[in-house]
Amino acid sequence: MSRSIATPASSPPVRSWARWIALPVLLAVWALLAHGLATPLLPTPVDVGQAAWREAASGELVHHLGVTLRRVAISFVLAMALGTALGVFMGRHSTANAMLDPLLVFFLNLPALVTIILLYVWFGLVETAAVLAVVINKVPNVTVTLREGARSLDGRLEQMANVYGFTFSQRARHIWLPQLFPYLMAATRGGLALIWKIVLVVELLGRSDGIGFKLHMAFQVFDVATILAYSLVFIAVVQLVEIVLLQPLERRASAWRHTGGAHA
């Protein structure tokens, strides 16, 4: 006599159109408020679009967007590499974790603005100081996330790797990376959201190019349309990276979970 196995009820599928409601509604509310108030302090979406087109036609938008994206990319790679290495090290070695945890808490609570100002004072208004300020502010967040991932590594898989004589690269590819991947994705998403905001502050305070610099210049003359144009274009680029790169990567890397569940 076969015995049926009860499975938890799955959540209903999300309608594809549900993702396209909030932003159009926000755009409509923005347009109505802008038309009703009729003030340059709240330009209409059309005004912002015209400002973005004007900046793009002059080449300013592409140039400054590229500069900021370059700083974000360099800072992101360095912060992820350093934070991942430090987080895994602290998660796997309790003594090292006890020694370094007070420093980690200190840097987690160190305001980004203080770090930026100090590095500019110490090193001058140079590119190295700008990137270093971003990295210092992001590494602690990555470290905390990856430390939790390293603590959750399955010891039985480590024993299996010892029995079969796995090399370091085999352990990294087949044992550690699959288990750490959700934590890496969490650090990546949080990293992109935090790093580009810090980069804008770095550019606003001490650089002569980049979106932060353009926002500062627009603020000087209360050009809200240009402020919104540069901000929304950059947000759109970051969102595009999320949709085109991060989401497919996450689906591909976690496909084995669904496959394994189907055969369980």
Protein backbone atom coordinates (compact mmCIF):
# COMPACT_ATOMS: atom_id res chain seq x y z
CA MET A 1 0.00 0.00 0.00
CA SER A 2 1.58 3.25 -1.09
CA ARG A 3 1.69 6.04 1.41
CA SER A 4 1.28 9.58 0.16
CA ILE A 5 3.66 12.19 1.44
CA ALA A 6 2.17 15.51 2.40
CA THR A 7 3.93 18.47 0.88
CA PRO A 8 3.64 22.04 2.06
CA ALA A 9 1.31 24.18 0.03
CA SER A 10 3.26 26.26 -2.43
CA SER A 11 2.61 29.95 -2.71
CA PRO A 12 0.50 31.01 -5.70
CA PRO A 13 2.48 32.12 -8.75
CA VAL A 14 3.10 35.83 -9.10
CA ARG A 15 1.29 37.44 -12.01
CA SER A 16 3.75 38.90 -14.51
CA TRP A 17 1.78 42.14 -14.74
CA ALA A 18 2.02 42.71 -10.97
CA ARG A 19 5.60 43.94 -11.34
CA TRP A 20 4.51 46.76 -13.66
CA ILE A 21 2.03 48.53 -11.38
CA ALA A 22 3.94 50.40 -8.68
CA LEU A 23 6.31 52.41 -10.90
CA PRO A 24 3.64 53.65 -13.37
CA VAL A 25 1.44 54.64 -10.43
CA LEU A 26 4.36 56.53 -8.86
CA LEU A 27 5.04 58.24 -12.20
CA ALA A 28 1.38 59.28 -12.51
CA VAL A 29 1.30 60.67 -8.96
CA TRP A 30 4.52 62.56 -9.64
CA ALA A 31 3.11 64.06 -12.86
CA LEU A 32 -0.13 65.12 -11.18
CA LEU A 33 1.67 66.76 -8.25
CA ALA A 34 4.12 68.53 -10.56
CA HIS A 35 1.34 69.90 -12.76
CA GLY A 36 -0.73 70.91 -9.73
CA LEU A 37 2.08 72.70 -7.88
CA ALA A 38 3.65 74.20 -11.02
CA THR A 39 6.99 74.94 -9.36
CA PRO A 40 10.55 74.45 -10.67
CA LEU A 41 11.33 72.72 -7.40
CA LEU A 42 9.23 69.76 -8.58
CA PRO A 43 9.66 69.42 -12.36
CA THR A 44 7.38 67.18 -14.38
CA PRO A 45 8.58 63.83 -15.76
CA VAL A 46 8.70 65.51 -19.19
CA ASP A 47 11.00 68.24 -17.86
CA VAL A 48 13.30 65.62 -16.34
CA GLY A 49 13.30 63.66 -19.59
CA GLN A 50 14.23 66.79 -21.53
CA ALA A 51 17.06 67.51 -19.08
CA ALA A 52 18.38 63.97 -19.48
CA TRP A 53 18.22 64.25 -23.27
CA ARG A 54 20.02 67.59 -23.19
CA GLU A 55 22.81 66.20 -21.03
CA ALA A 56 23.10 63.08 -23.19
CA ALA A 57 23.23 65.13 -26.41
CA SER A 58 26.07 67.25 -25.03
CA GLY A 59 28.04 64.14 -24.01
CA GLU A 60 28.07 65.14 -20.36
CA LEU A 61 25.74 62.38 -19.21
CA VAL A 62 27.69 59.57 -20.88
CA HIS A 63 31.03 60.89 -19.63
CA HIS A 64 30.05 61.37 -16.00
CA LEU A 65 28.01 58.16 -15.91
CA GLY A 66 31.02 56.23 -17.19
CA VAL A 67 33.31 57.78 -14.58
CA THR A 68 30.96 56.89 -11.74
CA LEU A 69 30.40 53.36 -13.02
CA ARG A 70 34.16 52.84 -13.22
CA ARG A 71 34.57 53.91 -9.60
CA VAL A 72 31.67 51.71 -8.53
CA ALA A 73 33.11 48.69 -10.37
CA ILE A 74 36.63 49.08 -8.94
CA SER A 75 35.36 49.67 -5.41
CA PHE A 76 32.91 46.78 -5.66
CA VAL A 77 35.50 44.25 -6.84
CA LEU A 78 38.01 45.25 -4.16
CA ALA A 79 35.44 45.31 -1.36
CA MET A 80 33.95 41.94 -2.33
CA ALA A 81 37.36 40.28 -2.61
CA LEU A 82 38.69 41.62 0.69
CA GLY A 83 35.41 41.21 2.57
CA THR A 84 34.88 37.64 1.33
CA ALA A 85 38.41 36.56 2.27
CA LEU A 86 38.19 38.18 5.70
CA GLY A 87 34.66 36.91 6.37
CA VAL A 88 35.49 33.29 5.50
CA PHE A 89 38.68 33.49 7.57
CA MET A 90 36.83 34.82 10.62
CA GLY A 91 33.99 32.36 10.18
CA ARG A 92 36.33 29.35 10.09
CA HIS A 93 38.74 30.41 12.85
CA SER A 94 37.18 31.27 16.20
CA THR A 95 40.37 32.78 17.62
CA ALA A 96 40.79 35.12 14.67
CA ASN A 97 37.11 36.03 14.92
CA ALA A 98 37.48 36.91 18.62
CA MET A 99 40.50 39.09 17.88
CA LEU A 100 39.09 40.89 14.83
CA ASP A 101 35.44 41.24 15.84
CA PRO A 102 35.98 44.47 17.87
CA LEU A 103 37.66 46.06 14.84
CA LEU A 104 34.83 44.87 12.62
CA VAL A 105 32.23 46.44 14.92
CA PHE A 106 34.25 49.66 15.00
CA PHE A 107 34.37 49.99 11.20
CA LEU A 108 30.71 48.99 10.89
CA ASN A 109 29.80 51.98 13.03
CA LEU A 110 32.28 54.40 11.48
CA PRO A 111 30.28 56.92 9.41
CA ALA A 112 31.11 56.92 5.71
CA LEU A 113 31.34 60.72 5.73
CA VAL A 114 34.07 60.63 8.38
CA THR A 115 36.10 58.10 6.38
CA ILE A 116 35.79 60.13 3.19
CA ILE A 117 36.84 63.40 4.87
CA LEU A 118 39.81 61.83 6.67
CA LEU A 119 41.16 60.13 3.54
CA TYR A 120 40.85 63.33 1.55
CA VAL A 121 42.70 65.20 4.31
CA TRP A 122 45.43 62.56 4.56
CA PHE A 123 45.94 61.74 0.86
CA GLY A 124 44.49 64.78 -0.91
CA LEU A 125 41.66 64.97 -3.43
CA VAL A 126 42.97 62.06 -5.50
CA GLU A 127 41.36 59.01 -7.07
CA THR A 128 43.08 56.57 -4.70
CA ALA A 129 41.55 58.27 -1.66
CA ALA A 130 38.12 58.24 -3.28
CA VAL A 131 38.17 54.52 -4.06
CA LEU A 132 39.77 53.60 -0.73
CA ALA A 133 37.06 55.46 1.17
CA VAL A 134 34.37 53.43 -0.57
CA VAL A 135 36.18 50.13 -0.01
CA ILE A 136 36.74 50.77 3.70
CA ASN A 137 33.05 51.49 4.18
CA LYS A 138 31.89 48.38 2.31
CA VAL A 139 34.33 45.68 3.44
CA PRO A 140 32.82 45.32 6.96
CA ASN A 141 29.33 44.63 5.55
CA VAL A 142 30.66 41.95 3.20
CA THR A 143 32.71 40.45 6.02
CA VAL A 144 29.72 40.11 8.34
CA THR A 145 27.61 38.43 5.66
CA LEU A 146 30.30 35.97 4.55
CA ARG A 147 31.27 35.19 8.13
CA GLU A 148 27.78 33.86 8.71
CA GLY A 149 28.04 31.83 5.53
CA ALA A 150 31.37 30.34 6.57
CA ARG A 151 29.94 29.39 9.94
CA SER A 152 27.12 27.47 8.25
CA LEU A 153 29.36 25.29 6.06
CA ASP A 154 28.41 21.62 6.38
CA GLY A 155 31.09 19.71 8.25
CA ARG A 156 29.97 16.40 6.73
CA LEU A 157 30.86 17.68 3.29
CA GLU A 158 34.29 18.61 4.58
CA GLN A 159 34.73 15.07 5.87
CA MET A 160 33.70 13.68 2.50
CA ALA A 161 36.25 15.96 0.80
CA ASN A 162 38.94 14.64 3.13
CA VAL A 163 38.02 11.03 2.38
CA TYR A 164 38.16 11.56 -1.39
CA GLY A 165 41.27 13.72 -1.22
CA PHE A 166 39.83 16.88 -2.74
CA THR A 167 42.33 19.52 -3.73
CA PHE A 168 41.91 23.13 -2.63
CA SER A 169 40.38 24.12 -5.98
CA GLN A 170 37.96 21.18 -5.86
CA ARG A 171 36.88 22.13 -2.35
CA ALA A 172 36.36 25.73 -3.43
CA ARG A 173 34.31 24.82 -6.51
CA HIS A 174 32.26 21.88 -5.23
CA ILE A 175 32.06 22.34 -1.45
CA TRP A 176 32.47 25.95 -0.41
CA LEU A 177 31.16 28.03 -3.31
CA PRO A 178 27.72 26.33 -3.62
CA GLN A 179 27.11 26.79 0.11
CA LEU A 180 28.42 30.35 0.21
CA PHE A 181 26.63 31.46 -2.93
CA PRO A 182 23.43 32.77 -1.24
CA TYR A 183 25.59 34.85 1.10
CA LEU A 184 27.67 36.11 -1.83
CA MET A 185 24.51 37.17 -3.64
CA ALA A 186 23.22 38.96 -0.54
CA ALA A 187 26.53 40.78 -0.18
CA THR A 188 26.55 41.61 -3.89
CA ARG A 189 23.07 43.11 -3.92
CA GLY A 190 23.63 45.03 -0.73
CA GLY A 191 27.07 46.06 -1.95
CA LEU A 192 25.85 47.60 -5.18
CA ALA A 193 23.09 49.49 -3.38
CA LEU A 194 25.51 50.87 -0.79
CA ILE A 195 28.62 51.45 -2.89
CA TRP A 196 27.07 53.65 -5.54
CA LYS A 197 25.57 55.88 -2.85
CA ILE A 198 28.94 56.26 -1.14
CA VAL A 199 30.61 56.92 -4.50
CA LEU A 200 28.22 59.82 -5.09
CA VAL A 201 29.16 61.35 -1.74
CA VAL A 202 32.86 60.86 -2.54
CA GLU A 203 32.41 62.62 -5.87
CA LEU A 204 30.33 65.40 -4.37
CA LEU A 205 32.96 66.20 -1.74
CA GLY A 206 36.18 65.94 -3.66
CA ARG A 207 36.07 64.97 -7.32
CA SER A 208 35.75 67.07 -10.47
CA ASP A 209 33.80 64.50 -12.46
CA GLY A 210 31.17 61.82 -11.96
CA ILE A 211 27.47 61.94 -11.19
CA GLY A 212 28.07 63.15 -7.64
CA PHE A 213 29.98 66.13 -9.02
CA LYS A 214 27.14 66.92 -11.45
CA LEU A 215 24.57 66.68 -8.66
CA HIS A 216 26.62 69.14 -6.62
CA MET A 217 26.81 71.58 -9.53
CA ALA A 218 23.06 71.30 -10.17
CA PHE A 219 22.36 71.83 -6.48
CA GLN A 220 24.28 75.12 -6.56
CA VAL A 221 21.69 76.57 -8.97
CA PHE A 222 18.68 74.58 -7.65
CA ASP A 223 18.37 72.71 -10.96
CA VAL A 224 16.09 69.95 -9.70
CA ALA A 225 15.37 68.63 -13.20
CA THR A 226 19.07 67.89 -13.78
CA ILE A 227 19.42 66.38 -10.31
CA LEU A 228 16.55 63.99 -10.99
CA ALA A 229 17.76 63.26 -14.53
CA TYR A 230 21.21 62.10 -13.43
CA SER A 231 19.83 60.22 -10.43
CA LEU A 232 17.17 58.34 -12.36
CA VAL A 233 19.51 57.42 -15.20
CA PHE A 234 21.99 55.92 -12.78
CA ILE A 235 19.26 54.06 -10.89
CA ALA A 236 18.07 52.65 -14.23
CA VAL A 237 21.59 51.43 -15.04
CA VAL A 238 21.95 49.71 -11.64
CA GLN A 239 18.53 48.11 -12.09
CA LEU A 240 19.57 46.90 -15.53
CA VAL A 241 22.64 45.23 -14.00
CA GLU A 242 20.33 43.51 -11.50
CA ILE A 243 17.96 42.21 -14.20
CA VAL A 244 20.49 41.28 -16.88
CA LEU A 245 23.35 39.96 -14.74
CA LEU A 246 22.52 39.22 -11.11
CA GLN A 247 19.10 37.58 -11.43
CA PRO A 248 20.10 35.16 -14.24
CA LEU A 249 23.29 34.30 -12.35
CA GLU A 250 21.31 33.52 -9.21
CA ARG A 251 18.80 31.37 -11.10
CA ARG A 252 21.55 29.43 -12.85
CA ALA A 253 23.59 28.86 -9.71
CA SER A 254 20.57 27.75 -7.66
CA ALA A 255 19.10 25.48 -10.36
CA TRP A 256 20.64 22.44 -8.68
CA ARG A 257 18.44 23.03 -5.62
CA HIS A 258 15.24 22.70 -7.68
CA THR A 259 16.64 19.74 -9.61
CA GLY A 260 17.64 17.99 -6.45
CA GLY A 261 14.26 18.70 -4.91
CA ALA A 262 12.46 17.26 -7.92
CA HIS A 263 14.37 13.96 -7.63
CA ALA A 264 14.15 13.74 -3.85
